[in-house]
Amino acid sequence: SGFTFSRYAMSWYRQAPGIQREVVA
C-alpha cells in the first residue's frame, strides 16, 4: 500500500543468520 502497485516490479529477498540478504525472486 502507499504507492501504485501495478507500476513497479516487486522482489522477494531472504536473510539467514550470519548471511548477507539475498534476492530470491
mmCIF file of all heavy atoms, coordinates in Angstrom:
data_MODEL
# 
_entry.id   MODEL 
# 
loop_
_atom_site.group_PDB 
_atom_site.id 
_atom_site.type_symbol 
_atom_site.label_atom_id 
_atom_site.label_alt_id 
_atom_site.label_comp_id 
_atom_site.label_asym_id 
_atom_site.label_entity_id 
_atom_site.label_seq_id 
_atom_site.pdbx_PDB_ins_code 
_atom_site.Cartn_x 
_atom_site.Cartn_y 
_atom_site.Cartn_z 
_atom_site.occupancy 
_atom_site.B_iso_or_equiv 
_atom_site.pdbx_formal_charge 
_atom_site.auth_seq_id 
_atom_site.auth_comp_id 
_atom_site.auth_asym_id 
_atom_site.auth_atom_id 
_atom_site.pdbx_PDB_model_num 
ATOM 1   N N   . SER A 1 1  ? 0.839  -1.188  0.000   1.00 0.00 ? 1  SER A N   1 
ATOM 2   C CA  . SER A 1 1  ? 0.000  0.000   0.000   1.00 0.00 ? 1  SER A CA  1 
ATOM 3   C C   . SER A 1 1  ? 0.874  1.237   0.000   1.00 0.00 ? 1  SER A C   1 
ATOM 4   O O   . SER A 1 1  ? 2.068  1.178   0.310   1.00 0.00 ? 1  SER A O   1 
ATOM 5   C CB  . SER A 1 1  ? -0.934 0.000   1.214   1.00 0.00 ? 1  SER A CB  1 
ATOM 6   O OG  . SER A 1 1  ? -0.193 0.004   2.411   1.00 0.00 ? 1  SER A OG  1 
ATOM 7   N N   . GLY A 1 2  ? 0.278  2.349   -0.375  1.00 0.00 ? 2  GLY A N   1 
ATOM 8   C CA  . GLY A 1 2  ? 1.001  3.620   -0.337  1.00 0.00 ? 2  GLY A CA  1 
ATOM 9   C C   . GLY A 1 2  ? 1.686  4.000   -1.635  1.00 0.00 ? 2  GLY A C   1 
ATOM 10  O O   . GLY A 1 2  ? 2.351  5.041   -1.695  1.00 0.00 ? 2  GLY A O   1 
ATOM 11  N N   . PHE A 1 3  ? 1.535  3.192   -2.651  1.00 0.00 ? 3  PHE A N   1 
ATOM 12  C CA  . PHE A 1 3  ? 2.090  3.505   -3.965  1.00 0.00 ? 3  PHE A CA  1 
ATOM 13  C C   . PHE A 1 3  ? 1.275  2.762   -5.007  1.00 0.00 ? 3  PHE A C   1 
ATOM 14  O O   . PHE A 1 3  ? 0.462  1.885   -4.672  1.00 0.00 ? 3  PHE A O   1 
ATOM 15  C CB  . PHE A 1 3  ? 3.576  3.119   -4.047  1.00 0.00 ? 3  PHE A CB  1 
ATOM 16  C CG  . PHE A 1 3  ? 3.860  1.639   -3.939  1.00 0.00 ? 3  PHE A CG  1 
ATOM 17  C CD1 . PHE A 1 3  ? 4.130  0.879   -5.056  1.00 0.00 ? 3  PHE A CD1 1 
ATOM 18  C CD2 . PHE A 1 3  ? 3.857  0.998   -2.697  1.00 0.00 ? 3  PHE A CD2 1 
ATOM 19  C CE1 . PHE A 1 3  ? 4.388  -0.483  -4.963  1.00 0.00 ? 3  PHE A CE1 1 
ATOM 20  C CE2 . PHE A 1 3  ? 4.114  -0.353  -2.585  1.00 0.00 ? 3  PHE A CE2 1 
ATOM 21  C CZ  . PHE A 1 3  ? 4.379  -1.089  -3.715  1.00 0.00 ? 3  PHE A CZ  1 
ATOM 22  N N   . THR A 1 4  ? 1.471  3.107   -6.271  1.00 0.00 ? 4  THR A N   1 
ATOM 23  C CA  . THR A 1 4  ? 0.717  2.469   -7.351  1.00 0.00 ? 4  THR A CA  1 
ATOM 24  C C   . THR A 1 4  ? 1.375  1.142   -7.675  1.00 0.00 ? 4  THR A C   1 
ATOM 25  O O   . THR A 1 4  ? 2.320  1.053   -8.464  1.00 0.00 ? 4  THR A O   1 
ATOM 26  C CB  . THR A 1 4  ? 0.681  3.380   -8.589  1.00 0.00 ? 4  THR A CB  1 
ATOM 27  O OG1 . THR A 1 4  ? 0.173  4.667   -8.217  1.00 0.00 ? 4  THR A OG1 1 
ATOM 28  C CG2 . THR A 1 4  ? -0.234 2.779   -9.655  1.00 0.00 ? 4  THR A CG2 1 
ATOM 29  N N   . PHE A 1 5  ? 0.864  0.108   -7.054  1.00 0.00 ? 5  PHE A N   1 
ATOM 30  C CA  . PHE A 1 5  ? 1.484  -1.216  -7.068  1.00 0.00 ? 5  PHE A CA  1 
ATOM 31  C C   . PHE A 1 5  ? 1.759  -1.714  -8.486  1.00 0.00 ? 5  PHE A C   1 
ATOM 32  O O   . PHE A 1 5  ? 2.837  -2.246  -8.776  1.00 0.00 ? 5  PHE A O   1 
ATOM 33  C CB  . PHE A 1 5  ? 0.561  -2.195  -6.335  1.00 0.00 ? 5  PHE A CB  1 
ATOM 34  C CG  . PHE A 1 5  ? 1.066  -3.608  -6.268  1.00 0.00 ? 5  PHE A CG  1 
ATOM 35  C CD1 . PHE A 1 5  ? 2.038  -3.970  -5.350  1.00 0.00 ? 5  PHE A CD1 1 
ATOM 36  C CD2 . PHE A 1 5  ? 0.550  -4.584  -7.122  1.00 0.00 ? 5  PHE A CD2 1 
ATOM 37  C CE1 . PHE A 1 5  ? 2.493  -5.281  -5.272  1.00 0.00 ? 5  PHE A CE1 1 
ATOM 38  C CE2 . PHE A 1 5  ? 0.989  -5.883  -7.061  1.00 0.00 ? 5  PHE A CE2 1 
ATOM 39  C CZ  . PHE A 1 5  ? 1.970  -6.244  -6.130  1.00 0.00 ? 5  PHE A CZ  1 
ATOM 40  N N   . SER A 1 6  ? 0.810  -1.519  -9.378  1.00 0.00 ? 6  SER A N   1 
ATOM 41  C CA  . SER A 1 6  ? 0.907  -2.094  -10.719 1.00 0.00 ? 6  SER A CA  1 
ATOM 42  C C   . SER A 1 6  ? 2.028  -1.480  -11.555 1.00 0.00 ? 6  SER A C   1 
ATOM 43  O O   . SER A 1 6  ? 2.384  -2.028  -12.606 1.00 0.00 ? 6  SER A O   1 
ATOM 44  C CB  . SER A 1 6  ? -0.425 -1.957  -11.445 1.00 0.00 ? 6  SER A CB  1 
ATOM 45  O OG  . SER A 1 6  ? -0.767 -0.600  -11.573 1.00 0.00 ? 6  SER A OG  1 
ATOM 46  N N   . ARG A 1 7  ? 2.606  -0.397  -11.110 1.00 0.00 ? 7  ARG A N   1 
ATOM 47  C CA  . ARG A 1 7  ? 3.629  0.283   -11.888 1.00 0.00 ? 7  ARG A CA  1 
ATOM 48  C C   . ARG A 1 7  ? 5.050  -0.158  -11.556 1.00 0.00 ? 7  ARG A C   1 
ATOM 49  O O   . ARG A 1 7  ? 6.000  0.302   -12.194 1.00 0.00 ? 7  ARG A O   1 
ATOM 50  C CB  . ARG A 1 7  ? 3.523  1.797   -11.673 1.00 0.00 ? 7  ARG A CB  1 
ATOM 51  C CG  . ARG A 1 7  ? 2.279  2.421   -12.248 1.00 0.00 ? 7  ARG A CG  1 
ATOM 52  C CD  . ARG A 1 7  ? 2.293  3.930   -12.077 1.00 0.00 ? 7  ARG A CD  1 
ATOM 53  N NE  . ARG A 1 7  ? 1.085  4.553   -12.621 1.00 0.00 ? 7  ARG A NE  1 
ATOM 54  C CZ  . ARG A 1 7  ? 0.833  5.853   -12.556 1.00 0.00 ? 7  ARG A CZ  1 
ATOM 55  N NH1 . ARG A 1 7  ? 1.714  6.671   -11.990 1.00 0.00 ? 7  ARG A NH1 1 
ATOM 56  N NH2 . ARG A 1 7  ? -0.280 6.338   -13.048 1.00 0.00 ? 7  ARG A NH2 1 
ATOM 57  N N   . TYR A 1 8  ? 5.194  -1.045  -10.552 1.00 0.00 ? 8  TYR A N   1 
ATOM 58  C CA  . TYR A 1 8  ? 6.536  -1.357  -10.092 1.00 0.00 ? 8  TYR A CA  1 
ATOM 59  C C   . TYR A 1 8  ? 6.800  -2.855  -10.010 1.00 0.00 ? 8  TYR A C   1 
ATOM 60  O O   . TYR A 1 8  ? 5.926  -3.638  -9.628  1.00 0.00 ? 8  TYR A O   1 
ATOM 61  C CB  . TYR A 1 8  ? 6.784  -0.740  -8.712  1.00 0.00 ? 8  TYR A CB  1 
ATOM 62  C CG  . TYR A 1 8  ? 6.743  0.761   -8.747  1.00 0.00 ? 8  TYR A CG  1 
ATOM 63  C CD1 . TYR A 1 8  ? 5.572  1.452   -8.448  1.00 0.00 ? 8  TYR A CD1 1 
ATOM 64  C CD2 . TYR A 1 8  ? 7.876  1.489   -9.108  1.00 0.00 ? 8  TYR A CD2 1 
ATOM 65  C CE1 . TYR A 1 8  ? 5.535  2.842   -8.509  1.00 0.00 ? 8  TYR A CE1 1 
ATOM 66  C CE2 . TYR A 1 8  ? 7.845  2.873   -9.159  1.00 0.00 ? 8  TYR A CE2 1 
ATOM 67  C CZ  . TYR A 1 8  ? 6.663  3.537   -8.874  1.00 0.00 ? 8  TYR A CZ  1 
ATOM 68  O OH  . TYR A 1 8  ? 6.632  4.905   -8.929  1.00 0.00 ? 8  TYR A OH  1 
ATOM 69  N N   . ALA A 1 9  ? 8.037  -3.202  -10.377 1.00 0.00 ? 9  ALA A N   1 
ATOM 70  C CA  . ALA A 1 9  ? 8.488  -4.566  -10.159 1.00 0.00 ? 9  ALA A CA  1 
ATOM 71  C C   . ALA A 1 9  ? 8.582  -4.830  -8.658  1.00 0.00 ? 9  ALA A C   1 
ATOM 72  O O   . ALA A 1 9  ? 8.806  -3.907  -7.868  1.00 0.00 ? 9  ALA A O   1 
ATOM 73  C CB  . ALA A 1 9  ? 9.846  -4.789  -10.816 1.00 0.00 ? 9  ALA A CB  1 
ATOM 74  N N   . MET A 1 10 ? 8.413  -6.075  -8.299  1.00 0.00 ? 10 MET A N   1 
ATOM 75  C CA  . MET A 1 10 ? 8.473  -6.479  -6.897  1.00 0.00 ? 10 MET A CA  1 
ATOM 76  C C   . MET A 1 10 ? 9.471  -7.622  -6.739  1.00 0.00 ? 10 MET A C   1 
ATOM 77  O O   . MET A 1 10 ? 9.692  -8.405  -7.675  1.00 0.00 ? 10 MET A O   1 
ATOM 78  C CB  . MET A 1 10 ? 7.104  -6.952  -6.409  1.00 0.00 ? 10 MET A CB  1 
ATOM 79  C CG  . MET A 1 10 ? 6.005  -5.910  -6.464  1.00 0.00 ? 10 MET A CG  1 
ATOM 80  S SD  . MET A 1 10 ? 6.284  -4.532  -5.338  1.00 0.00 ? 10 MET A SD  1 
ATOM 81  C CE  . MET A 1 10 ? 6.258  -5.359  -3.744  1.00 0.00 ? 10 MET A CE  1 
ATOM 82  N N   . SER A 1 11 ? 10.030 -7.717  -5.558  1.00 0.00 ? 11 SER A N   1 
ATOM 83  C CA  . SER A 1 11 ? 11.022 -8.758  -5.299  1.00 0.00 ? 11 SER A CA  1 
ATOM 84  C C   . SER A 1 11 ? 10.813 -9.375  -3.927  1.00 0.00 ? 11 SER A C   1 
ATOM 85  O O   . SER A 1 11 ? 10.269 -8.732  -3.018  1.00 0.00 ? 11 SER A O   1 
ATOM 86  C CB  . SER A 1 11 ? 12.445 -8.190  -5.370  1.00 0.00 ? 11 SER A CB  1 
ATOM 87  O OG  . SER A 1 11 ? 12.734 -7.686  -6.646  1.00 0.00 ? 11 SER A OG  1 
ATOM 88  N N   . TRP A 1 12 ? 11.273 -10.608 -3.809  1.00 0.00 ? 12 TRP A N   1 
ATOM 89  C CA  . TRP A 1 12 ? 11.404 -11.269 -2.514  1.00 0.00 ? 12 TRP A CA  1 
ATOM 90  C C   . TRP A 1 12 ? 12.889 -11.477 -2.238  1.00 0.00 ? 12 TRP A C   1 
ATOM 91  O O   . TRP A 1 12 ? 13.640 -11.911 -3.121  1.00 0.00 ? 12 TRP A O   1 
ATOM 92  C CB  . TRP A 1 12 ? 10.705 -12.630 -2.520  1.00 0.00 ? 12 TRP A CB  1 
ATOM 93  C CG  . TRP A 1 12 ? 9.223  -12.571 -2.434  1.00 0.00 ? 12 TRP A CG  1 
ATOM 94  C CD1 . TRP A 1 12 ? 8.324  -12.632 -3.461  1.00 0.00 ? 12 TRP A CD1 1 
ATOM 95  C CD2 . TRP A 1 12 ? 8.445  -12.455 -1.231  1.00 0.00 ? 12 TRP A CD2 1 
ATOM 96  N NE1 . TRP A 1 12 ? 7.051  -12.561 -2.983  1.00 0.00 ? 12 TRP A NE1 1 
ATOM 97  C CE2 . TRP A 1 12 ? 7.093  -12.457 -1.613  1.00 0.00 ? 12 TRP A CE2 1 
ATOM 98  C CE3 . TRP A 1 12 ? 8.760  -12.369 0.123   1.00 0.00 ? 12 TRP A CE3 1 
ATOM 99  C CZ2 . TRP A 1 12 ? 6.050  -12.357 -0.695  1.00 0.00 ? 12 TRP A CZ2 1 
ATOM 100 C CZ3 . TRP A 1 12 ? 7.735  -12.271 1.037   1.00 0.00 ? 12 TRP A CZ3 1 
ATOM 101 C CH2 . TRP A 1 12 ? 6.390  -12.267 0.633   1.00 0.00 ? 12 TRP A CH2 1 
ATOM 102 N N   . TYR A 1 13 ? 13.294 -11.192 -1.017  1.00 0.00 ? 13 TYR A N   1 
ATOM 103 C CA  . TYR A 1 13 ? 14.651 -11.440 -0.536  1.00 0.00 ? 13 TYR A CA  1 
ATOM 104 C C   . TYR A 1 13 ? 14.547 -12.361 0.682   1.00 0.00 ? 13 TYR A C   1 
ATOM 105 O O   . TYR A 1 13 ? 13.469 -12.516 1.280   1.00 0.00 ? 13 TYR A O   1 
ATOM 106 C CB  . TYR A 1 13 ? 15.317 -10.128 -0.096  1.00 0.00 ? 13 TYR A CB  1 
ATOM 107 C CG  . TYR A 1 13 ? 15.819 -9.251  -1.207  1.00 0.00 ? 13 TYR A CG  1 
ATOM 108 C CD1 . TYR A 1 13 ? 14.933 -8.555  -2.022  1.00 0.00 ? 13 TYR A CD1 1 
ATOM 109 C CD2 . TYR A 1 13 ? 17.183 -9.091  -1.425  1.00 0.00 ? 13 TYR A CD2 1 
ATOM 110 C CE1 . TYR A 1 13 ? 15.397 -7.731  -3.035  1.00 0.00 ? 13 TYR A CE1 1 
ATOM 111 C CE2 . TYR A 1 13 ? 17.658 -8.257  -2.430  1.00 0.00 ? 13 TYR A CE2 1 
ATOM 112 C CZ  . TYR A 1 13 ? 16.762 -7.588  -3.225  1.00 0.00 ? 13 TYR A CZ  1 
ATOM 113 O OH  . TYR A 1 13 ? 17.230 -6.757  -4.224  1.00 0.00 ? 13 TYR A OH  1 
ATOM 114 N N   . ARG A 1 14 ? 15.686 -12.893 1.058   1.00 0.00 ? 14 ARG A N   1 
ATOM 115 C CA  . ARG A 1 14 ? 15.751 -13.648 2.296   1.00 0.00 ? 14 ARG A CA  1 
ATOM 116 C C   . ARG A 1 14 ? 17.095 -13.423 2.972   1.00 0.00 ? 14 ARG A C   1 
ATOM 117 O O   . ARG A 1 14 ? 18.085 -13.103 2.330   1.00 0.00 ? 14 ARG A O   1 
ATOM 118 C CB  . ARG A 1 14 ? 15.517 -15.141 2.068   1.00 0.00 ? 14 ARG A CB  1 
ATOM 119 C CG  . ARG A 1 14 ? 16.613 -15.859 1.296   1.00 0.00 ? 14 ARG A CG  1 
ATOM 120 C CD  . ARG A 1 14 ? 16.211 -17.302 1.032   1.00 0.00 ? 14 ARG A CD  1 
ATOM 121 N NE  . ARG A 1 14 ? 17.236 -18.035 0.288   1.00 0.00 ? 14 ARG A NE  1 
ATOM 122 C CZ  . ARG A 1 14 ? 17.079 -19.270 -0.174  1.00 0.00 ? 14 ARG A CZ  1 
ATOM 123 N NH1 . ARG A 1 14 ? 15.924 -19.912 0.023   1.00 0.00 ? 14 ARG A NH1 1 
ATOM 124 N NH2 . ARG A 1 14 ? 18.064 -19.863 -0.834  1.00 0.00 ? 14 ARG A NH2 1 
ATOM 125 N N   . GLN A 1 15 ? 17.078 -13.607 4.287   1.00 0.00 ? 15 GLN A N   1 
ATOM 126 C CA  . GLN A 1 15 ? 18.303 -13.461 5.063   1.00 0.00 ? 15 GLN A CA  1 
ATOM 127 C C   . GLN A 1 15 ? 18.338 -14.512 6.152   1.00 0.00 ? 15 GLN A C   1 
ATOM 128 O O   . GLN A 1 15 ? 17.455 -14.547 7.015   1.00 0.00 ? 15 GLN A O   1 
ATOM 129 C CB  . GLN A 1 15 ? 18.408 -12.066 5.669   1.00 0.00 ? 15 GLN A CB  1 
ATOM 130 C CG  . GLN A 1 15 ? 19.743 -11.809 6.346   1.00 0.00 ? 15 GLN A CG  1 
ATOM 131 C CD  . GLN A 1 15 ? 19.971 -10.343 6.630   1.00 0.00 ? 15 GLN A CD  1 
ATOM 132 O OE1 . GLN A 1 15 ? 19.033 -9.556  6.722   1.00 0.00 ? 15 GLN A OE1 1 
ATOM 133 N NE2 . GLN A 1 15 ? 21.231 -9.957  6.772   1.00 0.00 ? 15 GLN A NE2 1 
ATOM 134 N N   . ALA A 1 16 ? 19.365 -15.345 6.090   1.00 0.00 ? 16 ALA A N   1 
ATOM 135 C CA  . ALA A 1 16 ? 19.598 -16.349 7.125   1.00 0.00 ? 16 ALA A CA  1 
ATOM 136 C C   . ALA A 1 16 ? 20.609 -15.794 8.120   1.00 0.00 ? 16 ALA A C   1 
ATOM 137 O O   . ALA A 1 16 ? 21.391 -14.896 7.781   1.00 0.00 ? 16 ALA A O   1 
ATOM 138 C CB  . ALA A 1 16 ? 20.102 -17.642 6.502   1.00 0.00 ? 16 ALA A CB  1 
ATOM 139 N N   . PRO A 1 17 ? 20.629 -16.303 9.336   1.00 0.00 ? 17 PRO A N   1 
ATOM 140 C CA  . PRO A 1 17 ? 21.576 -15.800 10.348  1.00 0.00 ? 17 PRO A CA  1 
ATOM 141 C C   . PRO A 1 17 ? 23.007 -15.859 9.856   1.00 0.00 ? 17 PRO A C   1 
ATOM 142 O O   . PRO A 1 17 ? 23.466 -16.887 9.353   1.00 0.00 ? 17 PRO A O   1 
ATOM 143 C CB  . PRO A 1 17 ? 21.340 -16.748 11.527  1.00 0.00 ? 17 PRO A CB  1 
ATOM 144 C CG  . PRO A 1 17 ? 19.944 -17.217 11.365  1.00 0.00 ? 17 PRO A CG  1 
ATOM 145 C CD  . PRO A 1 17 ? 19.736 -17.336 9.883   1.00 0.00 ? 17 PRO A CD  1 
ATOM 146 N N   . GLY A 1 18 ? 23.714 -14.728 9.969   1.00 0.00 ? 18 GLY A N   1 
ATOM 147 C CA  . GLY A 1 18 ? 25.110 -14.678 9.588   1.00 0.00 ? 18 GLY A CA  1 
ATOM 148 C C   . GLY A 1 18 ? 25.378 -14.621 8.099   1.00 0.00 ? 18 GLY A C   1 
ATOM 149 O O   . GLY A 1 18 ? 26.544 -14.652 7.675   1.00 0.00 ? 18 GLY A O   1 
ATOM 150 N N   . ILE A 1 19 ? 24.322 -14.524 7.315   1.00 0.00 ? 19 ILE A N   1 
ATOM 151 C CA  . ILE A 1 19 ? 24.477 -14.498 5.853   1.00 0.00 ? 19 ILE A CA  1 
ATOM 152 C C   . ILE A 1 19 ? 23.869 -13.211 5.313   1.00 0.00 ? 19 ILE A C   1 
ATOM 153 O O   . ILE A 1 19 ? 22.843 -12.739 5.812   1.00 0.00 ? 19 ILE A O   1 
ATOM 154 C CB  . ILE A 1 19 ? 23.812 -15.728 5.214   1.00 0.00 ? 19 ILE A CB  1 
ATOM 155 C CG1 . ILE A 1 19 ? 24.481 -17.016 5.728   1.00 0.00 ? 19 ILE A CG1 1 
ATOM 156 C CG2 . ILE A 1 19 ? 23.887 -15.663 3.695   1.00 0.00 ? 19 ILE A CG2 1 
ATOM 157 C CD1 . ILE A 1 19 ? 23.842 -18.282 5.222   1.00 0.00 ? 19 ILE A CD1 1 
ATOM 158 N N   . GLN A 1 20 ? 24.508 -12.659 4.278   1.00 0.00 ? 20 GLN A N   1 
ATOM 159 C CA  . GLN A 1 20 ? 24.005 -11.428 3.671   1.00 0.00 ? 20 GLN A CA  1 
ATOM 160 C C   . GLN A 1 20 ? 22.637 -11.664 3.041   1.00 0.00 ? 20 GLN A C   1 
ATOM 161 O O   . GLN A 1 20 ? 22.363 -12.736 2.501   1.00 0.00 ? 20 GLN A O   1 
ATOM 162 C CB  . GLN A 1 20 ? 24.997 -10.964 2.606   1.00 0.00 ? 20 GLN A CB  1 
ATOM 163 C CG  . GLN A 1 20 ? 24.718 -9.594  2.026   1.00 0.00 ? 20 GLN A CG  1 
ATOM 164 C CD  . GLN A 1 20 ? 25.831 -9.126  1.107   1.00 0.00 ? 20 GLN A CD  1 
ATOM 165 O OE1 . GLN A 1 20 ? 26.818 -9.824  0.904   1.00 0.00 ? 20 GLN A OE1 1 
ATOM 166 N NE2 . GLN A 1 20 ? 25.693 -7.933  0.562   1.00 0.00 ? 20 GLN A NE2 1 
ATOM 167 N N   . ARG A 1 21 ? 21.794 -10.651 3.115   1.00 0.00 ? 21 ARG A N   1 
ATOM 168 C CA  . ARG A 1 21 ? 20.480 -10.738 2.476   1.00 0.00 ? 21 ARG A CA  1 
ATOM 169 C C   . ARG A 1 21 ? 20.656 -10.968 0.984   1.00 0.00 ? 21 ARG A C   1 
ATOM 170 O O   . ARG A 1 21 ? 21.484 -10.336 0.341   1.00 0.00 ? 21 ARG A O   1 
ATOM 171 C CB  . ARG A 1 21 ? 19.700 -9.460  2.741   1.00 0.00 ? 21 ARG A CB  1 
ATOM 172 C CG  . ARG A 1 21 ? 18.236 -9.512  2.352   1.00 0.00 ? 21 ARG A CG  1 
ATOM 173 C CD  . ARG A 1 21 ? 17.495 -8.268  2.804   1.00 0.00 ? 21 ARG A CD  1 
ATOM 174 N NE  . ARG A 1 21 ? 17.471 -8.123  4.255   1.00 0.00 ? 21 ARG A NE  1 
ATOM 175 C CZ  . ARG A 1 21 ? 16.734 -7.218  4.887   1.00 0.00 ? 21 ARG A CZ  1 
ATOM 176 N NH1 . ARG A 1 21 ? 15.970 -6.378  4.200   1.00 0.00 ? 21 ARG A NH1 1 
ATOM 177 N NH2 . ARG A 1 21 ? 16.772 -7.137  6.200   1.00 0.00 ? 21 ARG A NH2 1 
ATOM 178 N N   . GLU A 1 22 ? 19.857 -11.874 0.413   1.00 0.00 ? 22 GLU A N   1 
ATOM 179 C CA  . GLU A 1 22 ? 19.965 -12.222 -0.998  1.00 0.00 ? 22 GLU A CA  1 
ATOM 180 C C   . GLU A 1 22 ? 18.599 -12.164 -1.670  1.00 0.00 ? 22 GLU A C   1 
ATOM 181 O O   . GLU A 1 22 ? 17.571 -12.454 -1.043  1.00 0.00 ? 22 GLU A O   1 
ATOM 182 C CB  . GLU A 1 22 ? 20.554 -13.628 -1.156  1.00 0.00 ? 22 GLU A CB  1 
ATOM 183 C CG  . GLU A 1 22 ? 19.726 -14.729 -0.544  1.00 0.00 ? 22 GLU A CG  1 
ATOM 184 C CD  . GLU A 1 22 ? 20.258 -16.115 -0.840  1.00 0.00 ? 22 GLU A CD  1 
ATOM 185 O OE1 . GLU A 1 22 ? 21.223 -16.250 -1.627  1.00 0.00 ? 22 GLU A OE1 1 
ATOM 186 O OE2 . GLU A 1 22 ? 19.692 -17.084 -0.298  1.00 0.00 ? 22 GLU A OE2 1 
ATOM 187 N N   . VAL A 1 23 ? 18.618 -11.819 -2.944  1.00 0.00 ? 23 VAL A N   1 
ATOM 188 C CA  . VAL A 1 23 ? 17.380 -11.801 -3.704  1.00 0.00 ? 23 VAL A CA  1 
ATOM 189 C C   . VAL A 1 23 ? 16.994 -13.226 -4.052  1.00 0.00 ? 23 VAL A C   1 
ATOM 190 O O   . VAL A 1 23 ? 17.827 -14.040 -4.440  1.00 0.00 ? 23 VAL A O   1 
ATOM 191 C CB  . VAL A 1 23 ? 17.504 -10.920 -4.963  1.00 0.00 ? 23 VAL A CB  1 
ATOM 192 C CG1 . VAL A 1 23 ? 18.561 -11.439 -5.901  1.00 0.00 ? 23 VAL A CG1 1 
ATOM 193 C CG2 . VAL A 1 23 ? 16.171 -10.755 -5.641  1.00 0.00 ? 23 VAL A CG2 1 
ATOM 194 N N   . VAL A 1 24 ? 15.722 -13.524 -3.903  1.00 0.00 ? 24 VAL A N   1 
ATOM 195 C CA  . VAL A 1 24 ? 15.193 -14.855 -4.188  1.00 0.00 ? 24 VAL A CA  1 
ATOM 196 C C   . VAL A 1 24 ? 14.472 -14.870 -5.531  1.00 0.00 ? 24 VAL A C   1 
ATOM 197 O O   . VAL A 1 24 ? 14.688 -15.766 -6.352  1.00 0.00 ? 24 VAL A O   1 
ATOM 198 C CB  . VAL A 1 24 ? 14.239 -15.296 -3.070  1.00 0.00 ? 24 VAL A CB  1 
ATOM 199 C CG1 . VAL A 1 24 ? 13.564 -16.626 -3.415  1.00 0.00 ? 24 VAL A CG1 1 
ATOM 200 C CG2 . VAL A 1 24 ? 14.971 -15.396 -1.741  1.00 0.00 ? 24 VAL A CG2 1 
ATOM 201 N N   . ALA A 1 25 ? 13.604 -13.872 -5.747  1.00 0.00 ? 25 ALA A N   1 
ATOM 202 C CA  . ALA A 1 25 ? 12.811 -13.841 -6.966  1.00 0.00 ? 25 ALA A CA  1 
ATOM 203 C C   . ALA A 1 25 ? 12.322 -12.426 -7.212  1.00 0.00 ? 25 ALA A C   1 
ATOM 204 O O   . ALA A 1 25 ? 12.125 -11.653 -6.269  1.00 0.00 ? 25 ALA A O   1 
ATOM 205 C CB  . ALA A 1 25 ? 11.625 -14.792 -6.857  1.00 0.00 ? 25 ALA A CB  1 
# 
